[in-house]
Amino acid sequence: MANNRLANNASSGGGVTGSTGSTGVGASSSNATAAANQMNEHVEFTVKADEDLYLTGASSTIRRVVAGTNYSCLMLKTQRFSSLFRHYAKYHGLRKDDLEYNFVNPLDNEDTPESVQLQRNDTINVRKRRPVDSEERSGSVSIPSGTDYFTAMRNLLDNGEHTDMIFVVGTTAIRAHRCILAARGIFFKEEFRREIASPQEGSEGRIEVGDEVSEGVVRAVLEFVYCNRVPGIVNFTVSEFQTCI
């Protein structure tokens, strides 16, 4: 019976047909050419349940489809999947809006086998529709607060991960990130450009600060660059403050 439904649909150009288990398509020798042409316009595929599918009522819940069940379908390559969604739900006694379908990406009502490049014997997966949270529904993205942002930047400066340059202050090496320095100050941007234009062996990613500037001043400048603040500025001498500026 399932095979007859598929054959009739292929020759008449009707809606979605399907059956549980394997299916085949038949045609008499008198219209074999016509049937072949019709089949070129159709695609045969499988809808597979990723999980048990239930129909939930006011007083009870009934399992309608067992996980892993395959349902063979045949439809026009240019036919919208909205017809498949209606057909599958009605055939299995489920609510259409309770289900979602995936083939590489989630399928929409307006998609077609042709638009998603569905091929013969491919599999579409079906499962219970997941709720969409408010952020996903509105398309918004959580943005960390200013405190969280500057804490993350301070941690980046302190832990030294992914650094690609150093400031040498006496015998101390203070590590930093060129991209952040270049983005925050024209001095650093020009310095790195000169380094690229006229590279000197042994000096790549290395800035010699000199004895006139203390380690504390260099760290204060870097904290301002990364975190937009200068900690302990009230403890600086006038000359140190002028150096920071």
C-alpha atoms as a PDB file:
ATOM      1  CA  MET A   1       0.000   0.000   0.000  1.00  0.00           C
ATOM      2  CA  ALA A   2       2.827   2.406   0.859  1.00  0.00           C
ATOM      3  CA  ASN A   3       4.542   1.711  -2.460  1.00  0.00           C
ATOM      4  CA  ASN A   4       1.309   2.398  -4.356  1.00  0.00           C
ATOM      5  CA  ARG A   5       0.914   5.777  -2.644  1.00  0.00           C
ATOM      6  CA  LEU A   6       4.423   6.761  -3.651  1.00  0.00           C
ATOM      7  CA  ALA A   7       3.951   5.589  -7.233  1.00  0.00           C
ATOM      8  CA  ASN A   8       0.640   7.386  -7.612  1.00  0.00           C
ATOM      9  CA  ASN A   9       2.132  10.569  -6.236  1.00  0.00           C
ATOM     10  CA  ALA A  10       5.134  10.391  -8.560  1.00  0.00           C
ATOM     11  CA  SER A  11       2.953  10.073 -11.640  1.00  0.00           C
ATOM     12  CA  SER A  12       0.372  12.665 -10.640  1.00  0.00           C
ATOM     13  CA  GLY A  13       2.640  15.348  -9.138  1.00  0.00           C
ATOM     14  CA  GLY A  14       0.625  15.369  -5.907  1.00  0.00           C
ATOM     15  CA  GLY A  15       1.579  16.366  -2.350  1.00  0.00           C
ATOM     16  CA  VAL A  16       3.936  14.769   0.154  1.00  0.00           C
ATOM     17  CA  THR A  17       3.578  11.046   0.648  1.00  0.00           C
ATOM     18  CA  GLY A  18       5.354   8.775   3.032  1.00  0.00           C
ATOM     19  CA  SER A  19       5.420   5.584   5.034  1.00  0.00           C
ATOM     20  CA  THR A  20       7.263   4.021   7.929  1.00  0.00           C
ATOM     21  CA  GLY A  21      10.022   1.694   6.747  1.00  0.00           C
ATOM     22  CA  SER A  22      11.444   1.208   3.252  1.00  0.00           C
ATOM     23  CA  THR A  23       9.543   2.217   0.123  1.00  0.00           C
ATOM     24  CA  GLY A  24       9.837   1.859  -3.617  1.00  0.00           C
ATOM     25  CA  VAL A  25       8.507   3.570  -6.743  1.00  0.00           C
ATOM     26  CA  GLY A  26       6.878   1.633  -9.592  1.00  0.00           C
ATOM     27  CA  ALA A  27       5.586   2.466 -13.076  1.00  0.00           C
ATOM     28  CA  SER A  28       4.233   0.424 -15.991  1.00  0.00           C
ATOM     29  CA  SER A  29       6.325   0.000 -19.154  1.00  0.00           C
ATOM     30  CA  SER A  30       3.863   2.099 -21.173  1.00  0.00           C
ATOM     31  CA  ASN A  31       4.591   5.248 -19.207  1.00  0.00           C
ATOM     32  CA  ALA A  32       8.154   4.471 -18.061  1.00  0.00           C
ATOM     33  CA  THR A  33       9.607   7.546 -19.776  1.00  0.00           C
ATOM     34  CA  ALA A  34       6.982   9.851 -18.312  1.00  0.00           C
ATOM     35  CA  ALA A  35       7.490   8.345 -14.875  1.00  0.00           C
ATOM     36  CA  ALA A  36      11.261   8.820 -15.153  1.00  0.00           C
ATOM     37  CA  ASN A  37      10.776  12.474 -16.045  1.00  0.00           C
ATOM     38  CA  GLN A  38       8.415  12.890 -13.112  1.00  0.00           C
ATOM     39  CA  MET A  39      10.928  11.294 -10.744  1.00  0.00           C
ATOM     40  CA  ASN A  40      13.596  13.775 -11.824  1.00  0.00           C
ATOM     41  CA  GLU A  41      11.357  16.467 -10.378  1.00  0.00           C
ATOM     42  CA  HIS A  42      10.966  14.649  -7.047  1.00  0.00           C
ATOM     43  CA  VAL A  43      13.300  13.642  -4.243  1.00  0.00           C
ATOM     44  CA  GLU A  44      12.924  10.635  -1.980  1.00  0.00           C
ATOM     45  CA  PHE A  45      14.299  11.026   1.541  1.00  0.00           C
ATOM     46  CA  THR A  46      13.851   9.939   5.155  1.00  0.00           C
ATOM     47  CA  VAL A  47      12.590  11.793   8.210  1.00  0.00           C
ATOM     48  CA  LYS A  48      14.165  10.330  11.356  1.00  0.00           C
ATOM     49  CA  ALA A  49      12.997  10.965  14.923  1.00  0.00           C
ATOM     50  CA  ASP A  50      15.957  12.099  17.040  1.00  0.00           C
ATOM     51  CA  GLU A  51      14.013  11.352  20.213  1.00  0.00           C
ATOM     52  CA  ASP A  52      10.688   9.961  21.402  1.00  0.00           C
ATOM     53  CA  LEU A  53       7.905  12.273  20.240  1.00  0.00           C
ATOM     54  CA  TYR A  54       4.956  12.762  22.577  1.00  0.00           C
ATOM     55  CA  LEU A  55       1.475  14.210  22.315  1.00  0.00           C
ATOM     56  CA  THR A  56       0.695  15.988  25.567  1.00  0.00           C
ATOM     57  CA  GLY A  57      -2.898  16.572  26.593  1.00  0.00           C
ATOM     58  CA  ALA A  58      -4.616  18.090  29.596  1.00  0.00           C
ATOM     59  CA  SER A  59      -4.610  14.846  31.576  1.00  0.00           C
ATOM     60  CA  SER A  60      -2.155  12.498  29.858  1.00  0.00           C
ATOM     61  CA  THR A  61       0.896  12.206  27.617  1.00  0.00           C
ATOM     62  CA  ILE A  62       1.137   9.639  24.811  1.00  0.00           C
ATOM     63  CA  ARG A  63       4.270   8.576  22.978  1.00  0.00           C
ATOM     64  CA  ARG A  64       3.442   8.751  19.276  1.00  0.00           C
ATOM     65  CA  VAL A  65       6.862   8.111  17.694  1.00  0.00           C
ATOM     66  CA  VAL A  66       9.757   6.062  19.066  1.00  0.00           C
ATOM     67  CA  ALA A  67      13.245   7.555  18.818  1.00  0.00           C
ATOM     68  CA  GLY A  68      15.093   6.334  15.732  1.00  0.00           C
ATOM     69  CA  THR A  69      11.942   5.645  13.705  1.00  0.00           C
ATOM     70  CA  ASN A  70      12.476   6.335   9.994  1.00  0.00           C
ATOM     71  CA  TYR A  71       9.682   7.715   7.843  1.00  0.00           C
ATOM     72  CA  SER A  72      10.225   7.640   4.060  1.00  0.00           C
ATOM     73  CA  CYS A  73       8.921  10.578   2.043  1.00  0.00           C
ATOM     74  CA  LEU A  74       8.645  11.690  -1.566  1.00  0.00           C
ATOM     75  CA  MET A  75       8.027  15.292  -2.592  1.00  0.00           C
ATOM     76  CA  LEU A  76       8.675  17.773  -5.371  1.00  0.00           C
ATOM     77  CA  LYS A  77      12.097  19.397  -5.277  1.00  0.00           C
ATOM     78  CA  THR A  78      10.467  22.825  -5.451  1.00  0.00           C
ATOM     79  CA  GLN A  79       7.767  22.088  -2.875  1.00  0.00           C
ATOM     80  CA  ARG A  80       7.857  23.996   0.408  1.00  0.00           C
ATOM     81  CA  PHE A  81       8.662  22.035   3.538  1.00  0.00           C
ATOM     82  CA  SER A  82       5.567  23.489   5.207  1.00  0.00           C
ATOM     83  CA  SER A  83       3.617  20.707   3.465  1.00  0.00           C
ATOM     84  CA  LEU A  84       5.986  18.087   4.898  1.00  0.00           C
ATOM     85  CA  PHE A  85       5.595  19.530   8.397  1.00  0.00           C
ATOM     86  CA  ARG A  86       1.796  19.342   8.165  1.00  0.00           C
ATOM     87  CA  HIS A  87       1.849  15.847   6.674  1.00  0.00           C
ATOM     88  CA  TYR A  88       4.284  14.362   9.206  1.00  0.00           C
ATOM     89  CA  ALA A  89       2.439  15.786  12.211  1.00  0.00           C
ATOM     90  CA  LYS A  90      -0.991  14.696  10.946  1.00  0.00           C
ATOM     91  CA  TYR A  91       0.174  11.180  10.032  1.00  0.00           C
ATOM     92  CA  HIS A  92       1.680  10.614  13.484  1.00  0.00           C
ATOM     93  CA  GLY A  93      -1.031  12.345  15.499  1.00  0.00           C
ATOM     94  CA  LEU A  94       1.201  15.186  16.680  1.00  0.00           C
ATOM     95  CA  ARG A  95       0.876  18.960  16.759  1.00  0.00           C
ATOM     96  CA  LYS A  96       2.757  20.598  13.906  1.00  0.00           C
ATOM     97  CA  ASP A  97       3.964  23.500  16.036  1.00  0.00           C
ATOM     98  CA  ASP A  98       5.469  21.107  18.612  1.00  0.00           C
ATOM     99  CA  LEU A  99       8.109  19.856  16.155  1.00  0.00           C
ATOM    100  CA  GLU A 100      11.263  21.206  14.550  1.00  0.00           C
ATOM    101  CA  TYR A 101      13.206  19.766  11.626  1.00  0.00           C
ATOM    102  CA  ASN A 102      16.905  19.936  10.786  1.00  0.00           C
ATOM    103  CA  PHE A 103      18.971  19.180   7.710  1.00  0.00           C
ATOM    104  CA  VAL A 104      22.451  20.625   8.318  1.00  0.00           C
ATOM    105  CA  ASN A 105      20.590  23.731   9.566  1.00  0.00           C
ATOM    106  CA  PRO A 106      17.069  24.213  10.950  1.00  0.00           C
ATOM    107  CA  LEU A 107      14.422  24.021   8.223  1.00  0.00           C
ATOM    108  CA  ASP A 108      11.856  26.791   7.723  1.00  0.00           C
ATOM    109  CA  ASN A 109       8.396  26.622   6.183  1.00  0.00           C
ATOM    110  CA  GLU A 110       9.591  28.393   3.034  1.00  0.00           C
ATOM    111  CA  ASP A 111      12.587  26.102   2.441  1.00  0.00           C
ATOM    112  CA  THR A 112      12.418  23.480  -0.313  1.00  0.00           C
ATOM    113  CA  PRO A 113      14.444  20.322  -1.042  1.00  0.00           C
ATOM    114  CA  GLU A 114      16.074  22.231  -3.877  1.00  0.00           C
ATOM    115  CA  SER A 115      16.962  25.295  -1.785  1.00  0.00           C
ATOM    116  CA  VAL A 116      18.706  23.211   0.914  1.00  0.00           C
ATOM    117  CA  GLN A 117      20.242  20.814  -1.666  1.00  0.00           C
ATOM    118  CA  LEU A 118      18.477  17.756  -0.274  1.00  0.00           C
ATOM    119  CA  GLN A 119      19.467  14.662  -2.269  1.00  0.00           C
ATOM    120  CA  ARG A 120      17.989  11.200  -2.727  1.00  0.00           C
ATOM    121  CA  ASN A 121      18.283   9.057   0.443  1.00  0.00           C
ATOM    122  CA  ASP A 122      19.283  12.020   2.622  1.00  0.00           C
ATOM    123  CA  THR A 123      17.883  12.216   6.159  1.00  0.00           C
ATOM    124  CA  ILE A 124      15.984  15.048   7.829  1.00  0.00           C
ATOM    125  CA  ASN A 125      15.935  14.899  11.632  1.00  0.00           C
ATOM    126  CA  VAL A 126      12.866  15.793  13.666  1.00  0.00           C
ATOM    127  CA  ARG A 127      12.568  16.475  17.386  1.00  0.00           C
ATOM    128  CA  LYS A 128      10.449  18.373  19.883  1.00  0.00           C
ATOM    129  CA  ARG A 129      10.707  22.133  19.377  1.00  0.00           C
ATOM    130  CA  ARG A 130      13.025  23.800  21.887  1.00  0.00           C
ATOM    131  CA  PRO A 131      11.874  27.002  23.611  1.00  0.00           C
ATOM    132  CA  VAL A 132      13.542  30.206  22.441  1.00  0.00           C
ATOM    133  CA  ASP A 133      14.853  32.395  25.258  1.00  0.00           C
ATOM    134  CA  SER A 134      14.166  36.122  25.314  1.00  0.00           C
ATOM    135  CA  GLU A 135      17.675  37.114  24.170  1.00  0.00           C
ATOM    136  CA  GLU A 136      17.619  34.776  21.174  1.00  0.00           C
ATOM    137  CA  ARG A 137      14.098  35.913  20.267  1.00  0.00           C
ATOM    138  CA  SER A 138      15.088  39.582  20.265  1.00  0.00           C
ATOM    139  CA  GLY A 139      18.441  38.947  18.619  1.00  0.00           C
ATOM    140  CA  SER A 140      20.224  40.668  21.498  1.00  0.00           C
ATOM    141  CA  VAL A 141      23.593  39.665  22.878  1.00  0.00           C
ATOM    142  CA  SER A 142      24.636  39.853  26.505  1.00  0.00           C
ATOM    143  CA  ILE A 143      27.255  42.549  26.971  1.00  0.00           C
ATOM    144  CA  PRO A 144      29.452  42.424  30.070  1.00  0.00           C
ATOM    145  CA  SER A 145      29.288  45.371  32.423  1.00  0.00           C
ATOM    146  CA  GLY A 146      32.078  47.933  32.474  1.00  0.00           C
ATOM    147  CA  THR A 147      33.434  46.424  35.677  1.00  0.00           C
ATOM    148  CA  ASP A 148      33.581  42.943  34.138  1.00  0.00           C
ATOM    149  CA  TYR A 149      35.279  44.293  31.021  1.00  0.00           C
ATOM    150  CA  PHE A 150      38.038  46.157  32.843  1.00  0.00           C
ATOM    151  CA  THR A 151      38.557  43.244  35.230  1.00  0.00           C
ATOM    152  CA  ALA A 152      39.103  40.989  32.218  1.00  0.00           C
ATOM    153  CA  MET A 153      41.536  43.501  30.706  1.00  0.00           C
ATOM    154  CA  ARG A 154      43.447  43.757  33.980  1.00  0.00           C
ATOM    155  CA  ASN A 155      43.701  39.962  34.144  1.00  0.00           C
ATOM    156  CA  LEU A 156      44.965  39.916  30.563  1.00  0.00           C
ATOM    157  CA  LEU A 157      47.704  42.374  31.498  1.00  0.00           C
ATOM    158  CA  ASP A 158      48.626  40.581  34.719  1.00  0.00           C
ATOM    159  CA  ASN A 159      48.743  36.969  33.534  1.00  0.00           C
ATOM    160  CA  GLY A 160      50.912  37.687  30.472  1.00  0.00           C
ATOM    161  CA  GLU A 161      49.069  35.274  28.173  1.00  0.00           C
ATOM    162  CA  HIS A 162      49.392  35.804  24.404  1.00  0.00           C
ATOM    163  CA  THR A 163      51.753  38.757  24.842  1.00  0.00           C
ATOM    164  CA  ASP A 164      54.032  39.622  21.923  1.00  0.00           C
ATOM    165  CA  MET A 165      56.282  42.392  23.264  1.00  0.00           C
ATOM    166  CA  ILE A 166      58.132  43.519  26.398  1.00  0.00           C
ATOM    167  CA  PHE A 167      59.112  46.760  28.099  1.00  0.00           C
ATOM    168  CA  VAL A 168      62.585  46.477  29.629  1.00  0.00           C
ATOM    169  CA  VAL A 169      62.947  48.541  32.813  1.00  0.00           C
ATOM    170  CA  GLY A 170      66.392  47.919  34.297  1.00  0.00           C
ATOM    171  CA  THR A 171      66.471  44.177  34.864  1.00  0.00           C
ATOM    172  CA  THR A 172      62.666  43.810  34.757  1.00  0.00           C
ATOM    173  CA  ALA A 173      60.687  42.747  31.686  1.00  0.00           C
ATOM    174  CA  ILE A 174      57.023  43.786  31.587  1.00  0.00           C
ATOM    175  CA  ARG A 175      54.980  41.937  28.986  1.00  0.00           C
ATOM    176  CA  ALA A 176      52.195  43.489  26.887  1.00  0.00           C
ATOM    177  CA  HIS A 177      50.102  43.115  23.707  1.00  0.00           C
ATOM    178  CA  ARG A 178      50.962  45.179  20.633  1.00  0.00           C
ATOM    179  CA  CYS A 179      47.422  45.263  19.254  1.00  0.00           C
ATOM    180  CA  ILE A 180      46.040  46.808  22.454  1.00  0.00           C
ATOM    181  CA  LEU A 181      48.838  49.355  22.725  1.00  0.00           C
ATOM    182  CA  ALA A 182      48.517  50.341  19.058  1.00  0.00           C
ATOM    183  CA  ALA A 183      44.754  50.735  19.388  1.00  0.00           C
ATOM    184  CA  ARG A 184      45.090  52.982  22.437  1.00  0.00           C
ATOM    185  CA  GLY A 185      48.000  55.248  21.540  1.00  0.00           C
ATOM    186  CA  ILE A 186      49.454  56.847  18.418  1.00  0.00           C
ATOM    187  CA  PHE A 187      52.957  56.665  19.919  1.00  0.00           C
ATOM    188  CA  PHE A 188      52.842  52.871  20.079  1.00  0.00           C
ATOM    189  CA  LYS A 189      51.219  52.585  16.657  1.00  0.00           C
ATOM    190  CA  GLU A 190      53.997  54.625  15.039  1.00  0.00           C
ATOM    191  CA  GLU A 191      56.676  52.764  16.996  1.00  0.00           C
ATOM    192  CA  PHE A 192      55.438  49.390  15.763  1.00  0.00           C
ATOM    193  CA  ARG A 193      55.195  50.690  12.189  1.00  0.00           C
ATOM    194  CA  ARG A 194      58.824  51.819  12.314  1.00  0.00           C
ATOM    195  CA  GLU A 195      59.820  48.446  13.692  1.00  0.00           C
ATOM    196  CA  ILE A 196      58.125  46.669  10.785  1.00  0.00           C
ATOM    197  CA  ALA A 197      59.570  49.066   8.192  1.00  0.00           C
ATOM    198  CA  SER A 198      63.136  48.897   9.550  1.00  0.00           C
ATOM    199  CA  PRO A 199      63.520  45.696  11.558  1.00  0.00           C
ATOM    200  CA  GLN A 200      66.615  45.351  13.699  1.00  0.00           C
ATOM    201  CA  GLU A 201      67.756  41.927  14.799  1.00  0.00           C
ATOM    202  CA  GLY A 202      67.186  41.305  18.484  1.00  0.00           C
ATOM    203  CA  SER A 203      64.934  44.334  18.969  1.00  0.00           C
ATOM    204  CA  GLU A 204      61.633  42.942  17.663  1.00  0.00           C
ATOM    205  CA  GLY A 205      58.884  43.459  20.219  1.00  0.00           C
ATOM    206  CA  ARG A 206      61.271  45.036  22.718  1.00  0.00           C
ATOM    207  CA  ILE A 207      61.205  48.604  24.053  1.00  0.00           C
ATOM    208  CA  GLU A 208      64.069  49.767  26.263  1.00  0.00           C
ATOM    209  CA  VAL A 209      62.563  52.272  28.688  1.00  0.00           C
ATOM    210  CA  GLY A 210      65.737  53.639  30.280  1.00  0.00           C
ATOM    211  CA  ASP A 211      66.734  54.523  33.829  1.00  0.00           C
ATOM    212  CA  GLU A 212      64.786  57.790  34.017  1.00  0.00           C
ATOM    213  CA  VAL A 213      61.436  55.961  34.226  1.00  0.00           C
ATOM    214  CA  SER A 214      60.609  53.612  37.086  1.00  0.00           C
ATOM    215  CA  GLU A 215      58.917  50.242  36.830  1.00  0.00           C
ATOM    216  CA  GLY A 216      55.921  51.642  38.740  1.00  0.00           C
ATOM    217  CA  VAL A 217      55.391  54.367  36.149  1.00  0.00           C
ATOM    218  CA  VAL A 218      55.512  51.875  33.265  1.00  0.00           C
ATOM    219  CA  ARG A 219      52.998  49.613  34.979  1.00  0.00           C
ATOM    220  CA  ALA A 220      50.749  52.607  35.699  1.00  0.00           C
ATOM    221  CA  VAL A 221      50.828  53.660  32.043  1.00  0.00           C
ATOM    222  CA  LEU A 222      49.979  50.117  30.951  1.00  0.00           C
ATOM    223  CA  GLU A 223      47.101  49.893  33.404  1.00  0.00           C
ATOM    224  CA  PHE A 224      45.715  53.124  32.003  1.00  0.00           C
ATOM    225  CA  VAL A 225      46.056  51.760  28.461  1.00  0.00           C
ATOM    226  CA  TYR A 226      44.296  48.494  29.353  1.00  0.00           C
ATOM    227  CA  CYS A 227      41.850  49.604  32.057  1.00  0.00           C
ATOM    228  CA  ASN A 228      41.419  53.366  31.556  1.00  0.00           C
ATOM    229  CA  ARG A 229      42.595  54.192  35.060  1.00  0.00           C
ATOM    230  CA  VAL A 230      45.838  54.873  36.970  1.00  0.00           C
ATOM    231  CA  PRO A 231      45.905  53.118  40.368  1.00  0.00           C
ATOM    232  CA  GLY A 232      47.617  54.792  43.316  1.00  0.00           C
ATOM    233  CA  ILE A 233      48.103  58.027  41.396  1.00  0.00           C
ATOM    234  CA  VAL A 234      47.967  60.050  44.636  1.00  0.00           C
ATOM    235  CA  ASN A 235      51.233  58.386  45.705  1.00  0.00           C
ATOM    236  CA  PHE A 236      53.146  59.509  42.605  1.00  0.00           C
ATOM    237  CA  THR A 237      55.700  62.299  42.738  1.00  0.00           C
ATOM    238  CA  VAL A 238      55.209  65.302  40.464  1.00  0.00           C
ATOM    239  CA  SER A 239      57.903  64.085  38.066  1.00  0.00           C
ATOM    240  CA  GLU A 240      56.394  60.587  37.912  1.00  0.00           C
ATOM    241  CA  PHE A 241      52.961  62.048  37.250  1.00  0.00           C
ATOM    242  CA  GLN A 242      54.369  64.182  34.427  1.00  0.00           C
ATOM    243  CA  THR A 243      56.065  61.101  32.967  1.00  0.00           C
ATOM    244  CA  CYS A 244      52.735  59.247  32.912  1.00  0.00           C
ATOM    245  CA  ILE A 245      51.132  62.137  31.063  1.00  0.00           C
END
